[in-house]
Protein backbone atom coordinates (compact mmCIF):
# COMPACT_ATOMS: atom_id res chain seq x y z
CA MET A 1 110.48 23.67 158.34
CA PHE A 2 109.55 20.46 159.46
CA ARG A 3 110.06 22.09 162.92
CA TYR A 4 108.07 24.89 162.76
CA ILE A 5 104.92 22.86 161.34
CA VAL A 6 105.94 20.49 164.45
CA ARG A 7 105.65 23.73 166.79
CA ARG A 8 102.72 25.00 165.04
CA ILE A 9 100.50 21.92 165.93
CA LEU A 10 101.47 21.68 169.07
CA ILE A 11 100.46 25.29 170.21
CA THR A 12 97.09 24.39 168.27
CA ILE A 13 95.88 21.67 171.05
CA PRO A 14 96.25 24.00 174.27
CA LEU A 15 93.97 26.59 171.65
CA LEU A 16 91.47 23.97 171.21
CA LEU A 17 91.59 23.43 174.86
CA VAL A 18 90.81 26.47 176.07
CA GLY A 19 88.42 27.17 173.20
CA SER A 20 86.42 23.76 173.86
CA PHE A 21 86.15 24.87 177.91
CA LEU A 22 84.67 28.28 176.71
CA VAL A 23 82.15 27.19 174.18
CA PHE A 24 81.20 24.34 176.68
CA ALA A 25 80.47 27.28 179.46
CA LEU A 26 78.73 29.22 176.76
CA VAL A 27 76.52 26.29 175.87
CA GLN A 28 75.60 25.76 179.39
CA GLY A 29 74.16 28.85 179.19
CA MET A 30 71.27 28.26 177.06
CA GLY A 31 69.88 26.62 180.19
CA ASP A 32 67.71 23.82 180.80
CA PRO A 33 67.46 21.49 177.82
CA LEU A 34 64.85 19.82 179.38
CA GLU A 35 62.97 22.08 181.01
CA GLU A 36 60.42 22.11 178.04
CA TRP A 37 60.33 18.25 178.17
CA LYS A 38 58.72 18.53 181.34
CA LEU A 39 55.99 20.83 180.63
CA GLN A 40 54.48 19.37 177.94
CA LYS A 41 53.03 16.53 180.45
CA PRO A 42 53.17 15.03 183.98
CA ARG A 43 56.06 13.32 184.36
CA THR A 44 57.30 10.63 187.42
CA PRO A 45 60.30 11.76 189.32
CA ASP A 46 61.61 8.56 188.08
CA GLU A 47 61.32 9.64 184.37
CA ILE A 48 63.09 13.24 184.74
CA SER A 49 65.45 11.23 187.19
CA ALA A 50 66.73 8.82 184.53
CA ALA A 51 66.36 11.91 181.78
CA TYR A 52 68.85 14.17 183.65
CA ASP A 53 71.16 11.07 184.61
CA ARG A 54 70.94 9.93 180.71
CA THR A 55 72.54 13.20 179.95
CA GLY A 56 74.63 13.94 182.78
CA TYR A 57 72.85 17.05 183.75
CA ASN A 58 72.84 15.67 187.16
CA ASP A 59 76.73 16.05 187.41
CA PRO A 60 78.78 18.92 188.48
CA PHE A 61 79.70 21.24 185.78
CA ILE A 62 83.51 19.68 185.76
CA GLU A 63 82.75 16.87 185.59
CA ARG A 64 80.33 17.10 182.85
CA TYR A 65 83.12 19.15 180.87
CA ALA A 66 85.75 16.46 181.28
CA ASN A 67 83.45 13.82 180.31
CA TRP A 68 82.24 15.58 176.97
CA VAL A 69 85.61 16.17 176.09
CA GLY A 70 87.23 13.23 177.15
CA GLY A 71 84.36 11.52 174.76
CA PHE A 72 85.01 14.34 172.40
CA VAL A 73 88.48 13.10 171.79
CA GLN A 74 87.60 9.19 171.24
CA GLY A 75 85.09 9.74 168.98
CA ASP A 76 81.84 9.42 171.33
CA TRP A 77 80.24 13.30 170.65
CA GLY A 78 76.68 12.15 172.84
CA THR A 79 73.38 12.08 171.44
CA SER A 80 70.18 14.28 171.47
CA VAL A 81 69.20 15.05 174.98
CA ILE A 82 65.45 15.08 174.31
CA PRO A 83 63.11 11.92 174.99
CA GLY A 84 60.86 11.02 172.81
CA THR A 85 62.63 12.40 169.56
CA GLY A 86 64.67 9.60 168.70
CA SER A 87 68.13 9.33 169.45
CA LYS A 88 70.28 10.89 167.46
CA ASP A 89 74.18 10.54 167.30
CA VAL A 90 75.77 13.54 166.99
CA GLN A 91 78.71 12.34 165.42
CA ASP A 92 76.89 11.26 162.25
CA GLU A 93 74.45 14.31 162.13
CA VAL A 94 77.48 16.61 162.02
CA LEU A 95 79.83 14.82 160.03
CA HIS A 96 76.73 14.75 157.79
CA GLY A 97 76.27 18.19 157.68
CA LEU A 98 80.13 19.16 157.68
CA TRP A 99 80.26 17.40 154.34
CA THR A 100 77.04 19.14 152.84
CA THR A 101 78.50 22.03 154.33
CA PHE A 102 82.12 21.35 152.02
CA ARG A 103 80.85 20.19 148.71
CA LEU A 104 78.66 23.82 149.32
CA VAL A 105 81.56 25.83 149.70
CA ILE A 106 84.94 24.14 148.15
CA GLY A 107 83.99 24.75 144.51
CA ALA A 108 83.37 28.65 144.97
CA GLU A 109 85.91 29.51 147.16
CA ILE A 110 88.44 27.91 144.87
CA LEU A 111 87.16 29.40 141.61
CA ALA A 112 86.80 32.65 143.61
CA LEU A 113 90.37 32.26 145.18
CA LEU A 114 91.42 32.23 141.21
CA ILE A 115 89.24 34.28 140.06
CA GLY A 116 89.86 37.22 142.81
CA MET A 117 93.21 36.75 142.08
CA ALA A 118 93.51 36.74 138.59
CA VAL A 119 91.87 40.19 138.45
CA GLY A 120 93.74 41.59 141.33
CA VAL A 121 96.96 41.14 139.69
CA ILE A 122 95.80 42.92 136.27
CA GLY A 123 93.94 45.68 138.08
CA ALA A 124 97.12 46.34 140.35
CA VAL A 125 99.33 46.06 137.29
CA ARG A 126 97.11 48.16 135.01
CA GLN A 127 96.01 50.24 138.03
CA TYR A 128 93.26 53.50 137.27
CA SER A 129 93.00 51.91 133.73
CA ILE A 130 88.70 50.57 132.59
CA PHE A 131 89.55 47.07 133.66
CA ASP A 132 91.01 48.59 137.17
CA TYR A 133 87.38 50.74 137.48
CA SER A 134 85.39 47.78 136.21
CA ALA A 135 86.94 45.59 138.68
CA THR A 136 86.59 47.56 141.45
CA SER A 137 83.25 49.07 140.42
CA MET A 138 81.93 45.19 140.73
CA ALA A 139 83.78 44.15 143.88
CA PHE A 140 81.82 47.40 145.75
CA VAL A 141 78.37 46.41 144.43
CA LEU A 142 78.98 42.47 145.29
CA PHE A 143 80.31 43.64 148.96
CA SER A 144 77.35 45.78 149.14
CA MET A 145 74.67 43.03 148.40
CA PRO A 146 73.67 40.52 151.30
CA VAL A 147 74.25 36.93 150.16
CA PHE A 148 70.82 36.06 150.77
CA CYS A 149 70.30 39.08 147.83
CA ILE A 150 72.09 37.46 145.37
CA GLY A 151 70.76 33.94 146.33
CA LEU A 152 67.12 35.41 145.66
CA MET A 153 68.15 36.95 142.40
CA LEU A 154 69.30 33.80 141.31
CA LYS A 155 66.50 31.79 142.06
CA SER A 156 63.95 34.52 140.53
CA ALA A 157 66.48 34.30 137.07
CA ALA A 158 66.39 30.59 137.02
CA ILE A 159 62.87 29.50 137.53
CA PRO A 160 61.52 31.18 134.24
CA PHE A 161 64.83 29.12 132.33
CA ASN A 162 63.31 25.88 134.01
CA ASN A 163 60.09 26.56 132.92
CA PHE A 164 61.54 27.71 129.11
CA LEU A 165 63.03 23.96 128.86
CA GLU A 166 59.99 22.50 129.91
CA SER A 167 58.34 24.52 127.34
CA ILE A 168 60.84 23.36 124.51
CA GLY A 169 60.32 19.47 125.95
CA MET A 170 63.09 19.21 127.97
CA ASP A 171 64.04 18.66 131.49
CA ARG A 172 64.10 21.26 134.05
CA TRP A 173 68.08 21.61 134.78
CA ILE A 174 68.90 24.27 137.21
CA THR A 175 67.82 22.66 140.79
CA THR A 176 67.10 25.89 143.27
CA ALA A 177 65.91 23.39 146.22
CA GLY A 178 68.92 21.43 147.30
CA PRO A 179 70.79 18.10 146.16
CA PRO A 180 68.29 15.16 145.89
CA PRO A 181 67.60 12.98 148.78
CA GLY A 182 68.45 9.74 146.98
CA GLY A 183 71.40 10.90 145.19
CA PHE A 184 71.79 11.64 141.59
CA SER A 185 71.27 8.75 139.51
CA GLY A 186 70.88 7.82 135.53
CA SER A 187 74.32 7.49 133.17
CA PHE A 188 77.36 9.46 133.72
CA GLY A 189 76.59 11.93 131.61
CA THR A 190 73.02 12.48 133.49
CA GLN A 191 74.79 12.29 137.24
CA VAL A 192 77.55 15.00 135.82
CA THR A 193 74.71 17.17 134.40
CA GLN A 194 72.60 16.96 137.50
CA TYR A 195 75.45 18.07 139.63
CA ILE A 196 76.23 21.25 137.55
CA GLY A 197 72.41 22.02 137.88
CA THR A 198 72.28 21.17 141.67
CA PHE A 199 75.98 23.55 142.61
CA LEU A 200 75.63 26.63 139.72
CA LEU A 201 73.18 28.84 142.20
CA PRO A 202 74.74 28.26 145.11
CA THR A 203 78.40 28.19 143.71
CA ILE A 204 77.75 31.16 141.99
CA ALA A 205 75.90 33.09 145.53
CA LEU A 206 78.83 32.30 147.20
CA LEU A 207 81.55 32.91 144.60
CA ALA A 208 79.89 36.56 144.20
CA ILE A 209 80.75 37.39 147.61
CA GLN A 210 84.19 35.92 147.65
CA PHE A 211 85.51 37.17 144.58
CA ALA A 212 85.19 40.61 145.72
CA LEU A 213 87.36 40.10 149.05
CA TYR A 214 89.74 38.37 147.09
CA SER A 215 90.04 40.29 144.21
CA ARG A 216 90.37 43.70 146.66
CA PHE A 217 92.94 41.77 148.77
CA GLN A 218 95.23 40.80 146.00
CA ARG A 219 94.82 43.79 144.02
CA ALA A 220 96.45 45.94 147.60
CA SER A 221 98.63 43.56 148.36
CA MET A 222 100.21 43.92 144.82
CA LEU A 223 100.41 47.46 144.19
CA ASP A 224 102.31 47.42 148.02
CA VAL A 225 104.75 44.56 146.61
CA LEU A 226 105.07 46.57 143.10
CA GLY A 227 106.06 49.88 144.84
CA GLN A 228 109.19 47.82 146.27
CA ASP A 229 112.78 48.86 145.63
CA TYR A 230 113.46 45.43 144.69
CA VAL A 231 110.85 45.31 142.07
CA ARG A 232 111.96 48.97 140.83
CA THR A 233 115.29 47.51 140.28
CA ALA A 234 113.92 44.44 138.18
CA GLN A 235 112.22 46.72 136.02
CA ALA A 236 115.45 49.05 135.83
CA LYS A 237 117.23 46.17 134.84
CA GLY A 238 115.13 45.70 131.79
CA LEU A 239 113.46 42.93 132.68
CA SER A 240 109.81 42.64 131.07
CA GLN A 241 106.50 43.29 132.50
CA GLY A 242 105.64 39.19 132.86
CA ARG A 243 109.00 38.34 134.08
CA VAL A 244 108.85 40.71 136.98
CA VAL A 245 105.39 40.76 137.92
CA PHE A 246 104.81 36.63 138.12
CA ARG A 247 108.85 36.33 138.95
CA HIS A 248 109.45 38.73 141.41
CA ALA A 249 105.95 40.32 142.98
CA PHE A 250 103.57 37.73 142.53
CA ARG A 251 105.20 35.55 145.16
CA ASN A 252 105.16 38.17 147.97
CA GLY A 253 101.68 39.53 146.99
CA LEU A 254 100.18 36.22 147.27
CA ILE A 255 100.82 36.36 151.29
CA PRO A 256 98.25 38.33 152.86
CA VAL A 257 96.11 36.91 150.31
CA VAL A 258 96.70 33.10 150.88
CA THR A 259 95.86 34.36 154.70
CA VAL A 260 92.83 35.53 154.17
CA PHE A 261 91.59 32.86 152.28
CA ALA A 262 92.83 30.27 154.89
CA VAL A 263 90.68 32.14 157.63
CA ASN A 264 87.94 32.64 156.01
CA PHE A 265 87.42 29.27 154.54
CA GLY A 266 87.07 27.82 157.95
CA GLN A 267 84.97 30.35 158.75
CA LEU A 268 82.74 29.55 155.77
CA ILE A 269 81.88 26.12 157.54
CA GLY A 270 79.97 27.18 159.90
CA GLY A 271 78.78 30.31 158.83
CA ALA A 272 77.68 29.11 155.36
CA VAL A 273 73.82 29.04 156.66
CA ILE A 274 72.54 31.96 154.67
CA THR A 275 73.51 30.07 151.86
CA GLU A 276 72.11 27.16 152.66
CA SER A 277 68.88 28.61 153.92
CA VAL A 278 68.54 30.16 150.36
CA PHE A 279 69.00 26.65 148.36
CA ASN A 280 67.80 24.62 151.37
CA TRP A 281 70.93 22.59 151.92
CA SER A 282 70.59 20.39 155.10
CA GLY A 283 74.78 21.68 156.29
CA MET A 284 76.53 23.01 159.15
CA GLY A 285 74.69 25.96 159.62
CA LYS A 286 71.29 24.73 159.54
CA LEU A 287 72.02 22.25 161.67
CA LEU A 288 73.22 24.49 164.37
CA ILE A 289 69.94 26.95 163.81
CA ARG A 290 67.80 23.78 164.11
CA SER A 291 69.93 22.34 167.65
CA ILE A 292 69.99 25.87 169.33
CA TYR A 293 65.93 25.96 168.78
CA GLU A 294 65.61 22.78 169.67
CA LYS A 295 67.76 23.09 173.06
CA GLU A 296 70.45 20.13 171.90
CA PRO A 297 73.38 20.93 173.58
CA TYR A 298 75.59 18.31 172.56
CA MET A 299 74.29 19.16 169.12
CA VAL A 300 75.09 22.57 169.23
CA LEU A 301 78.63 21.22 170.93
CA GLY A 302 79.61 19.07 167.89
CA VAL A 303 78.93 21.93 165.08
CA VAL A 304 80.77 24.41 167.26
CA MET A 305 83.69 22.31 167.74
CA VAL A 306 84.00 21.06 164.41
CA THR A 307 83.63 24.39 163.14
CA ALA A 308 86.68 25.51 166.02
CA ILE A 309 88.64 22.76 164.75
CA ALA A 310 88.41 23.91 161.36
CA VAL A 311 89.43 27.45 161.38
CA VAL A 312 92.40 26.42 163.71
CA VAL A 313 93.40 24.09 161.02
CA SER A 314 93.04 26.42 158.24
CA ASN A 315 94.90 28.93 160.11
CA LEU A 316 97.72 26.04 160.59
CA ILE A 317 97.51 25.40 156.92
CA ALA A 318 97.95 29.46 156.22
CA ASP A 319 101.08 29.78 158.70
CA ILE A 320 102.83 27.12 156.90
CA LEU A 321 101.47 28.63 153.51
CA TYR A 322 102.77 32.28 154.96
CA ALA A 323 106.56 30.17 155.92
CA ARG A 324 106.94 28.32 152.60
CA LEU A 325 106.38 31.83 150.42
CA ASP A 326 108.33 33.91 153.05
CA PRO A 327 111.33 31.88 154.56
CA ARG A 328 111.92 34.54 157.17
CA ILE A 329 108.99 34.21 159.02
CA ARG A 330 109.82 30.58 160.17
CA LEU A 331 113.19 31.44 161.20
CA GLY A 332 111.90 34.18 163.29
């Protein structure tokens, strides 16, 4: 197992290097980041030359890439390039956005996985029952609804609920506009209440979509496993249904779901922009959109590379879990 993990880690290194080169080349396609700054008012040649020297845009493409990737590996991710907007450290901005997005998606992903697995297993064991039809219908409805629609519906329901709390002399509980800038305050119980009220709506919005995905994968996987010969043999021996499902079928039925969870979680790190926008969270998605709009190449590179690393690492974790669940994979 250790050799398998080391081999998988070594494979990810050239993968990240190739990805970083492609991303760097694509970001260069955004054009000259200083073009708009030069047009805002007359600039002296010395000012323009100093700005290009500072950003490295006077260097050849390969030299720029080598400097950037070397600095990224050593923890120097660069700074914002537009003069006069304040020098923002890319690493600080990206890590702040990553932490915000991580807090937003981790709870929703874990809850969606647990609920989706439970619903998928029950739906497979009780195929074509009322529960199965109900869960399937709910999954299709949630699949068909864009996440921003779910978010707006939740906000529409939360506002009158908060108004009702105020009308009876209580504080507004459900937050619809992101976490408080200064963090949570008050006693421990008050902070817990604020925390739940802040995370409730975005967690439900993300959970709804992800639950539908995991429940469908788990159901399909369990149906496939329950039809295998070794499961029918276990049933023929007279084992109880619970023992057949959880002792013989559930482990193999987990493999596709684990893969989907790991890949999906990495993608969510950079793809939660809609949820962040609806609930006004300043995470990775909003940082990426703002950086593209402002033509900040190193900020865009930082966000995309951290997202790529999250995807690669989550795939690595999926491969390790995959090998753990099915030993034939690491022996292949």
